[in-house]
Amino acid sequence: MSMCFLPYPFFAVDGIVREDIQSGAALGLLFFLGQFFCFLALKNGEASLITPIMGSKPIFVAVFILIHGLSDGQVSGKIWVACGLSALAVALLCWPSRNSSLSWTGLSLALATAASFGLLDSLVPHFTHQSNPVNVLFFVFGSVGLYSLFLIPYTEGNFLKPRQKADIWMWASAVPMGGQAILMSMAIGFYQVPTEANIFYACRGLWAVLLIAWFGKKMLLTESILSPSTFIRRGIGASLLLIGVWLTSLQ
């Protein structure tokens, strides 16, 4: 993600000032903590249990906007309804099976993930428009790359040893993640729609279900074998999610 933002300073009209570095480094720390908590949560719990908690991120965004009052816009009643629908939809889409074990550590880390990303997205619109948005976003994601270097000593095994199969998929997944970061940062940093953008982003739960149903058997994933009740529940969740996205278009 950091590499995708390297060209940003060349598109900036204004030069880099100290405020760009300070704001970017502080916001980047929130982003890094969110990523850190996310991977720890997935390591300590099943994805089907963790994802619903992460779906509460739009609500955290709306709450933080009201608490610190830094956003130019206000969170309307329709957005609050859409936030609730998106969180409920993600929970229905990813509700765990009866045989799943509950990990309180994983759930707590997932909640910390949602809160960290929610605080970040609520602050980005304000600080990007205090200076040049391009420069601030460059330092946000640049600092995330620098902070990540401190994790290298804690990795398991030989960090530099090539892993042929794993490395290919790692880089293949890193590219769309970088593209996602650019699109989300533009929506939130340039156009100041943090809550609405996160409600749309919650659609990833629906896409995950569709992709698992499509590729699941080919990838030997057990999630592709679903009971009729699970299909019904996820269908309801997908419908609620689409209603939430539609509500944001009425602003």
C-alpha atoms as a PDB file:
ATOM      1  CA  MET A   1       0.000   0.000   0.000  1.00  0.00           C
ATOM      2  CA  SER A   2       2.836   2.362   0.806  1.00  0.00           C
ATOM      3  CA  MET A   3       4.422   1.777  -2.594  1.00  0.00           C
ATOM      4  CA  CYS A   4       1.160   2.694  -4.344  1.00  0.00           C
ATOM      5  CA  PHE A   5       1.309   6.160  -2.761  1.00  0.00           C
ATOM      6  CA  LEU A   6       4.909   6.963  -3.724  1.00  0.00           C
ATOM      7  CA  PRO A   7       3.867   9.017  -6.824  1.00  0.00           C
ATOM      8  CA  TYR A   8       1.469  11.208  -4.788  1.00  0.00           C
ATOM      9  CA  PRO A   9       3.879  14.155  -4.109  1.00  0.00           C
ATOM     10  CA  PHE A  10       4.333  14.608  -7.870  1.00  0.00           C
ATOM     11  CA  PHE A  11       0.606  15.364  -8.198  1.00  0.00           C
ATOM     12  CA  ALA A  12       0.521  17.875  -5.340  1.00  0.00           C
ATOM     13  CA  VAL A  13       0.144  21.542  -6.257  1.00  0.00           C
ATOM     14  CA  ASP A  14       1.590  22.792  -2.962  1.00  0.00           C
ATOM     15  CA  GLY A  15       4.894  21.824  -1.399  1.00  0.00           C
ATOM     16  CA  ILE A  16       5.267  19.660   1.683  1.00  0.00           C
ATOM     17  CA  VAL A  17       4.972  21.448   5.041  1.00  0.00           C
ATOM     18  CA  ARG A  18       5.531  20.274   8.622  1.00  0.00           C
ATOM     19  CA  GLU A  19       1.790  19.874   9.253  1.00  0.00           C
ATOM     20  CA  ASP A  20       1.572  17.332   6.430  1.00  0.00           C
ATOM     21  CA  ILE A  21       4.222  15.164   8.090  1.00  0.00           C
ATOM     22  CA  GLN A  22       2.751  15.476  11.585  1.00  0.00           C
ATOM     23  CA  SER A  23      -0.830  14.770  10.539  1.00  0.00           C
ATOM     24  CA  GLY A  24       0.196  11.949   8.222  1.00  0.00           C
ATOM     25  CA  ALA A  25       2.359  10.242  10.851  1.00  0.00           C
ATOM     26  CA  ALA A  26      -0.394  10.434  13.494  1.00  0.00           C
ATOM     27  CA  LEU A  27      -3.117   9.146  11.155  1.00  0.00           C
ATOM     28  CA  GLY A  28      -0.736   6.497   9.829  1.00  0.00           C
ATOM     29  CA  LEU A  29      -0.240   5.214  13.369  1.00  0.00           C
ATOM     30  CA  LEU A  30      -4.004   4.697  13.695  1.00  0.00           C
ATOM     31  CA  PHE A  31      -4.034   2.845  10.381  1.00  0.00           C
ATOM     32  CA  PHE A  32      -1.101   0.668  11.463  1.00  0.00           C
ATOM     33  CA  LEU A  33      -2.777  -0.175  14.780  1.00  0.00           C
ATOM     34  CA  GLY A  34      -5.981  -1.097  12.955  1.00  0.00           C
ATOM     35  CA  GLN A  35      -4.086  -3.459  10.655  1.00  0.00           C
ATOM     36  CA  PHE A  36      -2.130  -4.873  13.586  1.00  0.00           C
ATOM     37  CA  PHE A  37      -5.286  -5.579  15.630  1.00  0.00           C
ATOM     38  CA  CYS A  38      -6.977  -7.043  12.530  1.00  0.00           C
ATOM     39  CA  PHE A  39      -4.317  -9.687  11.897  1.00  0.00           C
ATOM     40  CA  LEU A  40      -4.088 -10.531  15.597  1.00  0.00           C
ATOM     41  CA  ALA A  41      -7.864 -10.945  15.703  1.00  0.00           C
ATOM     42  CA  LEU A  42      -7.841 -13.305  12.723  1.00  0.00           C
ATOM     43  CA  LYS A  43      -4.968 -15.240  14.290  1.00  0.00           C
ATOM     44  CA  ASN A  44      -6.857 -15.665  17.582  1.00  0.00           C
ATOM     45  CA  GLY A  45     -10.323 -16.405  16.201  1.00  0.00           C
ATOM     46  CA  GLU A  46     -12.254 -17.690  13.219  1.00  0.00           C
ATOM     47  CA  ALA A  47     -12.974 -15.286  10.384  1.00  0.00           C
ATOM     48  CA  SER A  48     -16.706 -16.067  10.580  1.00  0.00           C
ATOM     49  CA  LEU A  49     -16.684 -14.811  14.181  1.00  0.00           C
ATOM     50  CA  ILE A  50     -14.401 -11.816  13.665  1.00  0.00           C
ATOM     51  CA  THR A  51     -15.929 -10.312  10.518  1.00  0.00           C
ATOM     52  CA  PRO A  52     -19.323  -9.397  12.054  1.00  0.00           C
ATOM     53  CA  ILE A  53     -17.584  -7.310  14.730  1.00  0.00           C
ATOM     54  CA  MET A  54     -15.504  -5.534  12.088  1.00  0.00           C
ATOM     55  CA  GLY A  55     -18.782  -4.730  10.330  1.00  0.00           C
ATOM     56  CA  SER A  56     -19.498  -2.247  13.125  1.00  0.00           C
ATOM     57  CA  LYS A  57     -16.873   0.122  11.692  1.00  0.00           C
ATOM     58  CA  PRO A  58     -19.434   2.468   9.998  1.00  0.00           C
ATOM     59  CA  ILE A  59     -21.097   2.995  13.376  1.00  0.00           C
ATOM     60  CA  PHE A  60     -17.752   3.859  14.999  1.00  0.00           C
ATOM     61  CA  VAL A  61     -17.121   6.369  12.201  1.00  0.00           C
ATOM     62  CA  ALA A  62     -20.472   8.087  12.778  1.00  0.00           C
ATOM     63  CA  VAL A  63     -20.006   8.124  16.570  1.00  0.00           C
ATOM     64  CA  PHE A  64     -16.485   9.579  16.404  1.00  0.00           C
ATOM     65  CA  ILE A  65     -17.628  12.278  13.961  1.00  0.00           C
ATOM     66  CA  LEU A  66     -20.207  13.414  16.503  1.00  0.00           C
ATOM     67  CA  ILE A  67     -17.814  13.153  19.468  1.00  0.00           C
ATOM     68  CA  HIS A  68     -14.907  15.223  18.147  1.00  0.00           C
ATOM     69  CA  GLY A  69     -17.016  17.482  15.902  1.00  0.00           C
ATOM     70  CA  LEU A  70     -14.239  17.967  13.344  1.00  0.00           C
ATOM     71  CA  SER A  71     -16.305  17.030  10.304  1.00  0.00           C
ATOM     72  CA  ASP A  72     -17.974  19.755   8.250  1.00  0.00           C
ATOM     73  CA  GLY A  73     -21.044  17.604   7.686  1.00  0.00           C
ATOM     74  CA  GLN A  74     -23.453  16.074  10.186  1.00  0.00           C
ATOM     75  CA  VAL A  75     -24.561  12.472  10.408  1.00  0.00           C
ATOM     76  CA  SER A  76     -28.230  12.399   9.396  1.00  0.00           C
ATOM     77  CA  GLY A  77     -30.880   9.990  10.617  1.00  0.00           C
ATOM     78  CA  LYS A  78     -30.779   8.074   7.332  1.00  0.00           C
ATOM     79  CA  ILE A  79     -27.048   7.529   7.700  1.00  0.00           C
ATOM     80  CA  TRP A  80     -27.536   6.214  11.234  1.00  0.00           C
ATOM     81  CA  VAL A  81     -30.137   3.752   9.944  1.00  0.00           C
ATOM     82  CA  ALA A  82     -27.783   2.746   7.127  1.00  0.00           C
ATOM     83  CA  CYS A  83     -24.956   2.210   9.641  1.00  0.00           C
ATOM     84  CA  GLY A  84     -27.109  -0.078  11.727  1.00  0.00           C
ATOM     85  CA  LEU A  85     -28.313  -2.000   8.679  1.00  0.00           C
ATOM     86  CA  SER A  86     -24.772  -2.482   7.374  1.00  0.00           C
ATOM     87  CA  ALA A  87     -23.527  -3.852  10.720  1.00  0.00           C
ATOM     88  CA  LEU A  88     -26.556  -6.161  11.004  1.00  0.00           C
ATOM     89  CA  ALA A  89     -26.111  -7.269   7.392  1.00  0.00           C
ATOM     90  CA  VAL A  90     -22.459  -8.198   7.899  1.00  0.00           C
ATOM     91  CA  ALA A  91     -23.405 -10.152  11.025  1.00  0.00           C
ATOM     92  CA  LEU A  92     -26.040 -12.117   9.096  1.00  0.00           C
ATOM     93  CA  LEU A  93     -23.704 -12.720   6.154  1.00  0.00           C
ATOM     94  CA  CYS A  94     -20.894 -14.042   8.346  1.00  0.00           C
ATOM     95  CA  TRP A  95     -22.760 -15.530  11.302  1.00  0.00           C
ATOM     96  CA  PRO A  96     -20.743 -18.464  12.719  1.00  0.00           C
ATOM     97  CA  SER A  97     -21.929 -22.047  12.599  1.00  0.00           C
ATOM     98  CA  ARG A  98     -23.143 -23.876  15.698  1.00  0.00           C
ATOM     99  CA  ASN A  99     -19.891 -25.814  15.972  1.00  0.00           C
ATOM    100  CA  SER A 100     -17.710 -22.682  16.107  1.00  0.00           C
ATOM    101  CA  SER A 101     -15.908 -21.896  19.343  1.00  0.00           C
ATOM    102  CA  LEU A 102     -16.068 -18.413  20.820  1.00  0.00           C
ATOM    103  CA  SER A 103     -12.766 -16.534  21.213  1.00  0.00           C
ATOM    104  CA  TRP A 104     -13.127 -13.529  23.502  1.00  0.00           C
ATOM    105  CA  THR A 105      -9.584 -12.448  22.667  1.00  0.00           C
ATOM    106  CA  GLY A 106     -10.377 -12.487  18.951  1.00  0.00           C
ATOM    107  CA  LEU A 107     -13.635 -10.596  19.470  1.00  0.00           C
ATOM    108  CA  SER A 108     -11.934  -7.944  21.615  1.00  0.00           C
ATOM    109  CA  LEU A 109      -9.206  -7.457  19.017  1.00  0.00           C
ATOM    110  CA  ALA A 110     -11.832  -7.234  16.265  1.00  0.00           C
ATOM    111  CA  LEU A 111     -13.618  -4.520  18.240  1.00  0.00           C
ATOM    112  CA  ALA A 112     -10.300  -2.676  18.628  1.00  0.00           C
ATOM    113  CA  THR A 113      -9.799  -3.014  14.866  1.00  0.00           C
ATOM    114  CA  ALA A 114     -13.173  -1.486  14.065  1.00  0.00           C
ATOM    115  CA  ALA A 115     -12.614   1.332  16.575  1.00  0.00           C
ATOM    116  CA  SER A 116      -9.118   2.149  15.244  1.00  0.00           C
ATOM    117  CA  PHE A 117     -10.219   2.278  11.626  1.00  0.00           C
ATOM    118  CA  GLY A 118     -13.379   4.150  12.592  1.00  0.00           C
ATOM    119  CA  LEU A 119     -11.397   6.844  14.435  1.00  0.00           C
ATOM    120  CA  LEU A 120      -8.990   7.091  11.502  1.00  0.00           C
ATOM    121  CA  ASP A 121     -11.721   7.557   8.880  1.00  0.00           C
ATOM    122  CA  SER A 122     -13.521  10.138  11.004  1.00  0.00           C
ATOM    123  CA  LEU A 123     -10.352  12.261  11.326  1.00  0.00           C
ATOM    124  CA  VAL A 124      -8.991  11.988   7.764  1.00  0.00           C
ATOM    125  CA  PRO A 125     -11.474  14.446   6.122  1.00  0.00           C
ATOM    126  CA  HIS A 126     -10.593  17.178   8.607  1.00  0.00           C
ATOM    127  CA  PHE A 127      -6.805  16.906   8.503  1.00  0.00           C
ATOM    128  CA  THR A 128      -6.527  16.398   4.749  1.00  0.00           C
ATOM    129  CA  HIS A 129      -8.373  19.677   4.177  1.00  0.00           C
ATOM    130  CA  GLN A 130      -6.267  21.580   6.683  1.00  0.00           C
ATOM    131  CA  SER A 131      -3.439  21.228   4.181  1.00  0.00           C
ATOM    132  CA  ASN A 132      -2.940  19.516   0.819  1.00  0.00           C
ATOM    133  CA  PRO A 133      -4.885  16.189   0.793  1.00  0.00           C
ATOM    134  CA  VAL A 134      -2.376  14.568  -1.569  1.00  0.00           C
ATOM    135  CA  ASN A 135       0.590  15.291   0.699  1.00  0.00           C
ATOM    136  CA  VAL A 136      -1.220  14.193   3.869  1.00  0.00           C
ATOM    137  CA  LEU A 137      -2.327  10.881   2.327  1.00  0.00           C
ATOM    138  CA  PHE A 138       1.229  10.288   1.102  1.00  0.00           C
ATOM    139  CA  PHE A 139       2.563  10.531   4.647  1.00  0.00           C
ATOM    140  CA  VAL A 140      -0.339   8.506   6.092  1.00  0.00           C
ATOM    141  CA  PHE A 141       0.460   5.449   4.011  1.00  0.00           C
ATOM    142  CA  GLY A 142       4.180   6.105   3.905  1.00  0.00           C
ATOM    143  CA  SER A 143       4.322   6.064   7.690  1.00  0.00           C
ATOM    144  CA  VAL A 144       2.327   2.800   7.758  1.00  0.00           C
ATOM    145  CA  GLY A 145       5.120   1.196   5.728  1.00  0.00           C
ATOM    146  CA  LEU A 146       7.748   2.524   8.122  1.00  0.00           C
ATOM    147  CA  TYR A 147       5.828   1.401  11.219  1.00  0.00           C
ATOM    148  CA  SER A 148       5.445  -2.074   9.698  1.00  0.00           C
ATOM    149  CA  LEU A 149       9.218  -2.501   9.566  1.00  0.00           C
ATOM    150  CA  PHE A 150       9.239  -2.741  13.363  1.00  0.00           C
ATOM    151  CA  LEU A 151       7.287  -6.009  13.116  1.00  0.00           C
ATOM    152  CA  ILE A 152      10.033  -7.808  11.182  1.00  0.00           C
ATOM    153  CA  PRO A 153      11.988  -8.904  14.312  1.00  0.00           C
ATOM    154  CA  TYR A 154       8.820 -10.599  15.621  1.00  0.00           C
ATOM    155  CA  THR A 155       8.100 -12.677  12.516  1.00  0.00           C
ATOM    156  CA  GLU A 156       8.220 -16.460  12.736  1.00  0.00           C
ATOM    157  CA  GLY A 157      10.978 -18.250  10.837  1.00  0.00           C
ATOM    158  CA  ASN A 158      13.370 -16.677   8.312  1.00  0.00           C
ATOM    159  CA  PHE A 159      11.756 -13.474   7.040  1.00  0.00           C
ATOM    160  CA  LEU A 160      13.921 -13.146   3.902  1.00  0.00           C
ATOM    161  CA  LYS A 161      13.678 -16.790   2.866  1.00  0.00           C
ATOM    162  CA  PRO A 162      11.653 -17.059  -0.397  1.00  0.00           C
ATOM    163  CA  ARG A 163       8.443 -19.096  -0.273  1.00  0.00           C
ATOM    164  CA  GLN A 164       7.530 -19.788  -3.887  1.00  0.00           C
ATOM    165  CA  LYS A 165       3.807 -20.523  -3.558  1.00  0.00           C
ATOM    166  CA  ALA A 166       3.072 -18.193  -0.664  1.00  0.00           C
ATOM    167  CA  ASP A 167       5.020 -15.208  -2.068  1.00  0.00           C
ATOM    168  CA  ILE A 168       3.107 -15.280  -5.360  1.00  0.00           C
ATOM    169  CA  TRP A 169      -0.253 -15.067  -3.619  1.00  0.00           C
ATOM    170  CA  MET A 170       1.049 -12.473  -1.159  1.00  0.00           C
ATOM    171  CA  TRP A 171       2.044 -10.069  -3.939  1.00  0.00           C
ATOM    172  CA  ALA A 172      -1.095 -10.888  -5.935  1.00  0.00           C
ATOM    173  CA  SER A 173      -3.222  -9.878  -2.943  1.00  0.00           C
ATOM    174  CA  ALA A 174      -1.095  -6.812  -2.140  1.00  0.00           C
ATOM    175  CA  VAL A 175      -1.884  -5.196  -5.505  1.00  0.00           C
ATOM    176  CA  PRO A 176      -5.701  -5.040  -5.094  1.00  0.00           C
ATOM    177  CA  MET A 177      -5.231  -3.983  -1.461  1.00  0.00           C
ATOM    178  CA  GLY A 178      -3.167  -1.033  -2.693  1.00  0.00           C
ATOM    179  CA  GLY A 179      -5.866  -0.138  -5.209  1.00  0.00           C
ATOM    180  CA  GLN A 180      -8.496  -0.357  -2.503  1.00  0.00           C
ATOM    181  CA  ALA A 181      -6.470   1.970  -0.280  1.00  0.00           C
ATOM    182  CA  ILE A 182      -6.205   4.562  -3.062  1.00  0.00           C
ATOM    183  CA  LEU A 183      -9.947   4.512  -3.822  1.00  0.00           C
ATOM    184  CA  MET A 184     -11.021   4.638  -0.166  1.00  0.00           C
ATOM    185  CA  SER A 185      -8.544   7.399   0.692  1.00  0.00           C
ATOM    186  CA  MET A 186      -9.756   9.485  -2.258  1.00  0.00           C
ATOM    187  CA  ALA A 187     -13.414   9.067  -1.263  1.00  0.00           C
ATOM    188  CA  ILE A 188     -12.754   9.970   2.380  1.00  0.00           C
ATOM    189  CA  GLY A 189      -9.833  12.403   2.065  1.00  0.00           C
ATOM    190  CA  PHE A 190     -10.919  14.340  -1.034  1.00  0.00           C
ATOM    191  CA  TYR A 191     -14.718  14.199  -0.915  1.00  0.00           C
ATOM    192  CA  GLN A 192     -15.262  13.972   2.867  1.00  0.00           C
ATOM    193  CA  VAL A 193     -17.775  11.101   2.943  1.00  0.00           C
ATOM    194  CA  PRO A 194     -16.293   8.788   5.622  1.00  0.00           C
ATOM    195  CA  THR A 195     -19.554   7.270   6.876  1.00  0.00           C
ATOM    196  CA  GLU A 196     -21.058   6.741   3.432  1.00  0.00           C
ATOM    197  CA  ALA A 197     -17.821   5.253   2.067  1.00  0.00           C
ATOM    198  CA  ASN A 198     -17.661   2.747   4.918  1.00  0.00           C
ATOM    199  CA  ILE A 199     -21.258   1.673   4.385  1.00  0.00           C
ATOM    200  CA  PHE A 200     -20.425   0.918   0.746  1.00  0.00           C
ATOM    201  CA  TYR A 201     -17.231  -0.789   1.916  1.00  0.00           C
ATOM    202  CA  ALA A 202     -19.321  -3.100   4.088  1.00  0.00           C
ATOM    203  CA  CYS A 203     -20.453  -4.720   0.827  1.00  0.00           C
ATOM    204  CA  ARG A 204     -17.239  -6.757   1.000  1.00  0.00           C
ATOM    205  CA  GLY A 205     -19.174  -9.249   3.133  1.00  0.00           C
ATOM    206  CA  LEU A 206     -21.594  -9.836   0.260  1.00  0.00           C
ATOM    207  CA  TRP A 207     -18.774 -10.177  -2.268  1.00  0.00           C
ATOM    208  CA  ALA A 208     -17.002 -12.652   0.016  1.00  0.00           C
ATOM    209  CA  VAL A 209     -20.097 -14.856   0.168  1.00  0.00           C
ATOM    210  CA  LEU A 210     -20.557 -14.756  -3.611  1.00  0.00           C
ATOM    211  CA  LEU A 211     -16.896 -15.552  -4.293  1.00  0.00           C
ATOM    212  CA  ILE A 212     -16.901 -18.440  -1.827  1.00  0.00           C
ATOM    213  CA  ALA A 213     -20.042 -19.840  -3.448  1.00  0.00           C
ATOM    214  CA  TRP A 214     -18.388 -19.482  -6.876  1.00  0.00           C
ATOM    215  CA  PHE A 215     -14.807 -20.598  -6.167  1.00  0.00           C
ATOM    216  CA  GLY A 216     -15.346 -22.436  -2.909  1.00  0.00           C
ATOM    217  CA  LYS A 217     -15.478 -25.975  -4.254  1.00  0.00           C
ATOM    218  CA  LYS A 218     -12.528 -25.385  -6.595  1.00  0.00           C
ATOM    219  CA  MET A 219     -10.473 -24.103  -3.659  1.00  0.00           C
ATOM    220  CA  LEU A 220     -11.679 -26.964  -1.412  1.00  0.00           C
ATOM    221  CA  LEU A 221     -13.290 -24.546   1.057  1.00  0.00           C
ATOM    222  CA  THR A 222     -15.878 -26.068   3.391  1.00  0.00           C
ATOM    223  CA  GLU A 223     -17.750 -22.733   3.459  1.00  0.00           C
ATOM    224  CA  SER A 224     -19.059 -23.491  -0.035  1.00  0.00           C
ATOM    225  CA  ILE A 225     -21.263 -26.282   1.399  1.00  0.00           C
ATOM    226  CA  LEU A 226     -24.049 -24.290   3.041  1.00  0.00           C
ATOM    227  CA  SER A 227     -27.347 -25.326   4.535  1.00  0.00           C
ATOM    228  CA  PRO A 228     -30.635 -23.819   3.212  1.00  0.00           C
ATOM    229  CA  SER A 229     -31.047 -21.817   6.441  1.00  0.00           C
ATOM    230  CA  THR A 230     -27.596 -20.291   5.960  1.00  0.00           C
ATOM    231  CA  PHE A 231     -28.456 -19.253   2.404  1.00  0.00           C
ATOM    232  CA  ILE A 232     -31.694 -17.643   3.629  1.00  0.00           C
ATOM    233  CA  ARG A 233     -29.914 -15.792   6.439  1.00  0.00           C
ATOM    234  CA  ARG A 234     -27.217 -14.504   4.104  1.00  0.00           C
ATOM    235  CA  GLY A 235     -29.823 -13.506   1.538  1.00  0.00           C
ATOM    236  CA  ILE A 236     -31.540 -11.381   4.178  1.00  0.00           C
ATOM    237  CA  GLY A 237     -28.187  -9.868   5.134  1.00  0.00           C
ATOM    238  CA  ALA A 238     -27.404  -9.010   1.513  1.00  0.00           C
ATOM    239  CA  SER A 239     -30.796  -7.324   1.129  1.00  0.00           C
ATOM    240  CA  LEU A 240     -30.290  -5.223   4.277  1.00  0.00           C
ATOM    241  CA  LEU A 241     -26.872  -4.186   3.026  1.00  0.00           C
ATOM    242  CA  LEU A 242     -28.274  -3.017  -0.301  1.00  0.00           C
ATOM    243  CA  ILE A 243     -30.967  -1.020   1.529  1.00  0.00           C
ATOM    244  CA  GLY A 244     -28.266   0.655   3.636  1.00  0.00           C
ATOM    245  CA  VAL A 245     -26.258   1.572   0.542  1.00  0.00           C
ATOM    246  CA  TRP A 246     -29.425   2.940  -1.115  1.00  0.00           C
ATOM    247  CA  LEU A 247     -30.163   5.127   1.922  1.00  0.00           C
ATOM    248  CA  THR A 248     -26.785   6.831   1.598  1.00  0.00           C
ATOM    249  CA  SER A 249     -27.663   7.888  -1.971  1.00  0.00           C
ATOM    250  CA  LEU A 250     -30.648   9.876  -0.666  1.00  0.00           C
ATOM    251  CA  GLN A 251     -28.434  12.488   1.078  1.00  0.00           C
END
